[in-house]
N, C-alpha and C. Protein backbone atom coordinates (compact mmCIF):
# COMPACT_ATOMS: atom_id res chain seq x y z
N HIS A 1 39.08 -76.35 60.80
CA HIS A 1 39.20 -75.60 59.57
C HIS A 1 38.79 -76.47 58.39
N ILE A 2 38.16 -75.85 57.44
CA ILE A 2 37.76 -76.52 56.19
C ILE A 2 38.77 -76.12 55.13
N ILE A 3 39.35 -77.11 54.45
CA ILE A 3 40.28 -76.83 53.37
C ILE A 3 39.63 -77.19 52.08
N GLU A 4 39.49 -76.24 51.18
CA GLU A 4 38.85 -76.49 49.90
C GLU A 4 39.89 -77.05 48.96
N GLU A 5 39.51 -78.15 48.27
CA GLU A 5 40.40 -78.80 47.32
C GLU A 5 40.54 -77.90 46.08
N GLN A 6 41.74 -77.67 45.64
CA GLN A 6 42.00 -76.87 44.43
C GLN A 6 42.10 -77.83 43.27
N ILE A 7 41.19 -77.70 42.32
CA ILE A 7 41.19 -78.54 41.13
C ILE A 7 41.43 -77.62 39.93
N GLU A 8 42.24 -78.11 38.98
CA GLU A 8 42.57 -77.35 37.78
C GLU A 8 41.29 -76.91 37.08
N LYS A 9 41.26 -75.71 36.56
CA LYS A 9 40.06 -75.11 35.97
C LYS A 9 39.39 -76.00 34.92
N ASN A 10 40.18 -76.47 33.98
CA ASN A 10 39.59 -77.31 32.89
C ASN A 10 38.98 -78.58 33.43
N GLN A 11 39.58 -79.15 34.46
CA GLN A 11 39.01 -80.36 35.07
C GLN A 11 37.71 -80.02 35.81
N SER A 12 37.69 -78.88 36.47
CA SER A 12 36.46 -78.44 37.16
C SER A 12 35.32 -78.26 36.18
N ILE A 13 35.61 -77.69 35.02
CA ILE A 13 34.57 -77.48 33.99
C ILE A 13 34.13 -78.84 33.46
N LYS A 14 35.07 -79.72 33.16
CA LYS A 14 34.73 -81.07 32.68
C LYS A 14 33.83 -81.78 33.68
N ASP A 15 34.22 -81.73 34.97
CA ASP A 15 33.43 -82.34 36.02
C ASP A 15 32.04 -81.72 36.11
N GLY A 16 31.96 -80.39 36.02
CA GLY A 16 30.69 -79.70 36.11
C GLY A 16 29.75 -80.12 34.98
N VAL A 17 30.29 -80.24 33.75
CA VAL A 17 29.45 -80.69 32.62
C VAL A 17 29.00 -82.11 32.83
N PHE A 18 29.90 -82.97 33.29
CA PHE A 18 29.52 -84.37 33.57
C PHE A 18 28.40 -84.46 34.57
N TYR A 19 28.53 -83.76 35.68
CA TYR A 19 27.50 -83.79 36.68
C TYR A 19 26.19 -83.22 36.18
N PHE A 20 26.24 -82.12 35.42
CA PHE A 20 25.05 -81.52 34.85
C PHE A 20 24.32 -82.53 33.98
N ASN A 21 25.07 -83.16 33.09
CA ASN A 21 24.47 -84.10 32.12
C ASN A 21 23.95 -85.38 32.81
N ASN A 22 24.33 -85.60 34.03
CA ASN A 22 23.82 -86.72 34.80
C ASN A 22 22.81 -86.30 35.88
N GLU A 23 22.27 -85.09 35.67
CA GLU A 23 21.25 -84.52 36.55
C GLU A 23 21.65 -84.43 38.00
N ARG A 24 22.98 -84.27 38.21
CA ARG A 24 23.53 -84.04 39.56
C ARG A 24 23.87 -82.55 39.64
N PHE A 25 22.83 -81.73 39.68
CA PHE A 25 22.95 -80.31 39.54
C PHE A 25 23.69 -79.64 40.66
N TRP A 26 23.50 -80.12 41.90
CA TRP A 26 24.23 -79.54 43.03
C TRP A 26 25.75 -79.76 42.84
N GLU A 27 26.13 -80.98 42.48
CA GLU A 27 27.54 -81.27 42.26
C GLU A 27 28.08 -80.47 41.08
N SER A 28 27.28 -80.27 40.04
CA SER A 28 27.68 -79.47 38.87
C SER A 28 27.95 -78.03 39.33
N HIS A 29 27.05 -77.48 40.11
CA HIS A 29 27.19 -76.15 40.64
C HIS A 29 28.51 -76.00 41.40
N GLU A 30 28.78 -76.98 42.27
CA GLU A 30 30.01 -76.95 43.11
C GLU A 30 31.27 -77.05 42.24
N ALA A 31 31.26 -77.97 41.29
CA ALA A 31 32.44 -78.15 40.42
C ALA A 31 32.69 -76.88 39.60
N LEU A 32 31.64 -76.31 39.02
CA LEU A 32 31.80 -75.12 38.21
C LEU A 32 32.23 -73.92 39.05
N GLU A 33 31.81 -73.90 40.31
CA GLU A 33 32.21 -72.80 41.18
C GLU A 33 33.74 -72.83 41.37
N GLY A 34 34.31 -74.02 41.41
CA GLY A 34 35.77 -74.12 41.50
C GLY A 34 36.45 -73.45 40.31
N ALA A 35 35.90 -73.67 39.10
CA ALA A 35 36.44 -73.01 37.90
C ALA A 35 36.20 -71.52 37.94
N TRP A 36 35.01 -71.13 38.35
CA TRP A 36 34.60 -69.71 38.43
C TRP A 36 35.60 -68.92 39.27
N LYS A 37 36.05 -69.50 40.38
CA LYS A 37 36.99 -68.81 41.28
C LYS A 37 38.33 -68.50 40.60
N GLN A 38 38.61 -69.24 39.53
CA GLN A 38 39.89 -69.09 38.82
C GLN A 38 39.79 -68.21 37.58
N CYS A 39 38.64 -67.56 37.39
CA CYS A 39 38.40 -66.79 36.14
C CYS A 39 38.16 -65.31 36.47
N ALA A 40 38.11 -64.52 35.40
CA ALA A 40 37.83 -63.10 35.53
C ALA A 40 37.01 -62.66 34.29
N GLY A 41 36.36 -61.55 34.42
CA GLY A 41 35.70 -60.88 33.31
C GLY A 41 34.64 -61.71 32.60
N TYR A 42 34.72 -61.73 31.31
CA TYR A 42 33.73 -62.41 30.42
C TYR A 42 33.56 -63.86 30.81
N GLU A 43 34.68 -64.56 30.98
CA GLU A 43 34.66 -65.98 31.29
C GLU A 43 34.00 -66.23 32.65
N LYS A 44 34.30 -65.38 33.63
CA LYS A 44 33.74 -65.54 34.95
C LYS A 44 32.22 -65.37 34.90
N GLU A 45 31.74 -64.38 34.15
CA GLU A 45 30.28 -64.15 34.02
C GLU A 45 29.61 -65.32 33.27
N LEU A 46 30.28 -65.82 32.25
CA LEU A 46 29.72 -66.98 31.50
C LEU A 46 29.59 -68.20 32.41
N ILE A 47 30.60 -68.50 33.15
CA ILE A 47 30.52 -69.66 34.07
C ILE A 47 29.48 -69.42 35.12
N GLN A 48 29.35 -68.18 35.59
CA GLN A 48 28.34 -67.89 36.60
C GLN A 48 26.94 -68.13 36.01
N GLY A 49 26.74 -67.81 34.76
CA GLY A 49 25.45 -68.11 34.10
C GLY A 49 25.14 -69.58 34.10
N ILE A 50 26.12 -70.40 33.79
CA ILE A 50 25.92 -71.85 33.76
C ILE A 50 25.66 -72.36 35.18
N ILE A 51 26.40 -71.82 36.14
CA ILE A 51 26.18 -72.22 37.55
C ILE A 51 24.76 -71.91 37.96
N LEU A 52 24.24 -70.75 37.54
CA LEU A 52 22.85 -70.40 37.88
C LEU A 52 21.85 -71.35 37.25
N VAL A 53 22.13 -71.84 36.01
CA VAL A 53 21.25 -72.84 35.41
C VAL A 53 21.23 -74.09 36.26
N ALA A 54 22.42 -74.55 36.66
CA ALA A 54 22.50 -75.73 37.52
C ALA A 54 21.74 -75.49 38.84
N ALA A 55 21.95 -74.36 39.43
CA ALA A 55 21.29 -74.02 40.69
C ALA A 55 19.77 -74.00 40.52
N SER A 56 19.31 -73.44 39.38
CA SER A 56 17.87 -73.41 39.15
C SER A 56 17.28 -74.83 39.10
N LEU A 57 18.05 -75.74 38.47
CA LEU A 57 17.55 -77.12 38.34
C LEU A 57 17.63 -77.88 39.67
N VAL A 58 18.44 -77.44 40.60
CA VAL A 58 18.41 -77.98 41.96
C VAL A 58 17.03 -77.65 42.54
N HIS A 59 16.59 -76.45 42.35
CA HIS A 59 15.23 -76.03 42.86
C HIS A 59 14.13 -76.84 42.15
N TYR A 60 14.27 -77.07 40.86
CA TYR A 60 13.30 -77.89 40.13
C TYR A 60 13.21 -79.30 40.74
N GLN A 61 14.35 -79.87 41.06
CA GLN A 61 14.36 -81.21 41.66
C GLN A 61 13.71 -81.24 43.04
N LYS A 62 13.66 -80.06 43.68
CA LYS A 62 13.02 -79.94 44.98
C LYS A 62 11.58 -79.47 44.89
N TYR A 63 11.05 -79.47 43.65
CA TYR A 63 9.64 -79.06 43.35
C TYR A 63 9.40 -77.60 43.68
N GLU A 64 10.46 -76.78 43.54
CA GLU A 64 10.39 -75.36 43.77
C GLU A 64 10.44 -74.61 42.42
N ASN A 65 9.37 -74.82 41.63
CA ASN A 65 9.39 -74.36 40.25
C ASN A 65 9.46 -72.82 40.12
N GLU A 66 8.78 -72.08 41.02
CA GLU A 66 8.82 -70.62 40.92
C GLU A 66 10.25 -70.12 41.18
N ILE A 67 10.91 -70.71 42.14
CA ILE A 67 12.31 -70.34 42.41
C ILE A 67 13.19 -70.72 41.22
N CYS A 68 12.96 -71.88 40.66
CA CYS A 68 13.72 -72.30 39.50
C CYS A 68 13.60 -71.31 38.37
N LEU A 69 12.38 -70.86 38.05
CA LEU A 69 12.17 -69.90 36.96
C LEU A 69 12.84 -68.56 37.28
N SER A 70 12.80 -68.14 38.53
CA SER A 70 13.43 -66.88 38.92
C SER A 70 14.95 -66.97 38.73
N VAL A 71 15.54 -68.08 39.12
CA VAL A 71 17.00 -68.25 38.96
C VAL A 71 17.36 -68.40 37.46
N LEU A 72 16.49 -69.01 36.67
CA LEU A 72 16.73 -69.08 35.22
C LEU A 72 16.79 -67.69 34.60
N ASN A 73 15.90 -66.79 35.10
CA ASN A 73 15.94 -65.42 34.63
C ASN A 73 17.27 -64.77 34.95
N ARG A 74 17.79 -65.00 36.14
CA ARG A 74 19.09 -64.47 36.50
C ARG A 74 20.20 -65.05 35.60
N ALA A 75 20.10 -66.35 35.29
CA ALA A 75 21.09 -67.01 34.43
C ALA A 75 21.07 -66.39 33.06
N LEU A 76 19.86 -66.15 32.52
CA LEU A 76 19.74 -65.55 31.19
C LEU A 76 20.38 -64.15 31.14
N LYS A 77 20.23 -63.40 32.20
CA LYS A 77 20.86 -62.06 32.25
C LYS A 77 22.37 -62.17 32.18
N LYS A 78 22.94 -63.19 32.82
CA LYS A 78 24.40 -63.38 32.77
C LYS A 78 24.85 -63.82 31.39
N LEU A 79 24.01 -64.59 30.70
CA LEU A 79 24.40 -65.22 29.42
C LEU A 79 23.94 -64.40 28.22
N HIS A 80 23.18 -63.35 28.40
CA HIS A 80 22.53 -62.64 27.27
C HIS A 80 23.47 -62.24 26.16
N ASP A 81 24.68 -61.84 26.49
CA ASP A 81 25.63 -61.36 25.48
C ASP A 81 26.71 -62.40 25.19
N LYS A 82 26.49 -63.64 25.63
CA LYS A 82 27.46 -64.72 25.42
C LYS A 82 26.92 -65.63 24.29
N SER A 83 27.82 -66.22 23.51
CA SER A 83 27.41 -67.13 22.45
C SER A 83 28.58 -68.05 22.10
N GLY A 84 28.26 -69.01 21.26
CA GLY A 84 29.28 -69.90 20.75
C GLY A 84 29.53 -71.10 21.66
N GLU A 85 30.70 -71.66 21.53
CA GLU A 85 31.10 -72.86 22.30
C GLU A 85 32.05 -72.46 23.39
N TYR A 86 31.90 -73.08 24.53
CA TYR A 86 32.82 -72.89 25.66
C TYR A 86 33.07 -74.31 26.22
N HIS A 87 34.26 -74.79 26.06
CA HIS A 87 34.65 -76.14 26.49
C HIS A 87 33.62 -77.17 26.03
N ASP A 88 33.30 -77.12 24.73
CA ASP A 88 32.33 -78.04 24.10
C ASP A 88 30.92 -77.88 24.59
N VAL A 89 30.63 -76.80 25.30
CA VAL A 89 29.26 -76.48 25.74
C VAL A 89 28.70 -75.40 24.79
N ASN A 90 27.55 -75.70 24.21
CA ASN A 90 26.92 -74.76 23.29
C ASN A 90 26.10 -73.73 24.08
N ILE A 91 26.65 -72.55 24.22
CA ILE A 91 26.01 -71.50 25.02
C ILE A 91 24.67 -71.07 24.40
N ASP A 92 24.62 -70.96 23.06
CA ASP A 92 23.37 -70.58 22.41
C ASP A 92 22.26 -71.59 22.67
N SER A 93 22.61 -72.85 22.71
CA SER A 93 21.60 -73.89 23.01
C SER A 93 21.08 -73.77 24.42
N ILE A 94 21.96 -73.46 25.36
CA ILE A 94 21.54 -73.27 26.75
C ILE A 94 20.58 -72.09 26.84
N LYS A 95 20.93 -70.99 26.19
CA LYS A 95 20.08 -69.82 26.22
C LYS A 95 18.71 -70.12 25.61
N GLN A 96 18.70 -70.86 24.51
CA GLN A 96 17.44 -71.22 23.86
C GLN A 96 16.58 -72.06 24.78
N LYS A 97 17.16 -73.02 25.51
CA LYS A 97 16.40 -73.84 26.46
C LYS A 97 15.83 -72.97 27.55
N ILE A 98 16.61 -72.04 28.06
CA ILE A 98 16.16 -71.14 29.12
C ILE A 98 14.96 -70.33 28.67
N VAL A 99 15.10 -69.71 27.47
CA VAL A 99 14.02 -68.88 26.91
C VAL A 99 12.74 -69.71 26.74
N GLU A 100 12.86 -70.93 26.22
CA GLU A 100 11.68 -71.80 26.04
C GLU A 100 11.01 -72.10 27.37
N MET A 101 11.82 -72.41 28.40
CA MET A 101 11.24 -72.75 29.70
C MET A 101 10.58 -71.52 30.32
N LEU A 102 11.23 -70.36 30.20
CA LEU A 102 10.62 -69.15 30.75
C LEU A 102 9.35 -68.75 30.01
N ASP A 103 9.33 -68.90 28.68
CA ASP A 103 8.13 -68.53 27.90
C ASP A 103 6.96 -69.47 28.24
N LYS A 104 7.23 -70.77 28.30
CA LYS A 104 6.16 -71.78 28.52
C LYS A 104 5.88 -72.00 30.03
N LYS A 105 6.78 -71.53 30.85
CA LYS A 105 6.75 -71.82 32.30
C LYS A 105 6.68 -73.33 32.55
N GLU A 106 7.38 -74.06 31.70
CA GLU A 106 7.49 -75.52 31.81
C GLU A 106 8.99 -75.85 31.91
N ILE A 107 9.38 -76.45 32.97
CA ILE A 107 10.79 -76.73 33.26
C ILE A 107 11.12 -78.18 32.89
N SER A 108 12.25 -78.35 32.29
CA SER A 108 12.73 -79.69 31.99
C SER A 108 14.27 -79.68 32.06
N THR A 109 14.80 -80.85 32.31
CA THR A 109 16.26 -80.99 32.31
C THR A 109 16.72 -81.15 30.88
N PHE A 110 17.99 -80.91 30.63
CA PHE A 110 18.57 -81.04 29.30
C PHE A 110 20.06 -81.26 29.44
N LEU A 111 20.70 -81.64 28.35
CA LEU A 111 22.11 -81.83 28.34
C LEU A 111 22.83 -80.60 27.85
N ILE A 112 24.05 -80.39 28.35
CA ILE A 112 24.87 -79.27 27.87
C ILE A 112 26.11 -79.80 27.20
């Protein structure tokens, strides 16, 4: 049996941001998923959007740019009606980065 470690939501988010900002996108995805499981509604959808950004950049690191752009589109749909700050993460800045990458079809990593 596999036992999943339960980490407090705020710590999971903090860990997810740390991993994201250190280009460890798979670990970011996993840490944020732990927080996502503890949320509902608006917050759950917001975290899912950030998870999708991390997941997209996993594909970028694997040279799968078309998949990355497709997942970024999904992330933007989750974040389209979200704005402001969430645990010191600027949601508007993330959305702006996504839009720029989708418009130019040029992918780059960034800090959150």
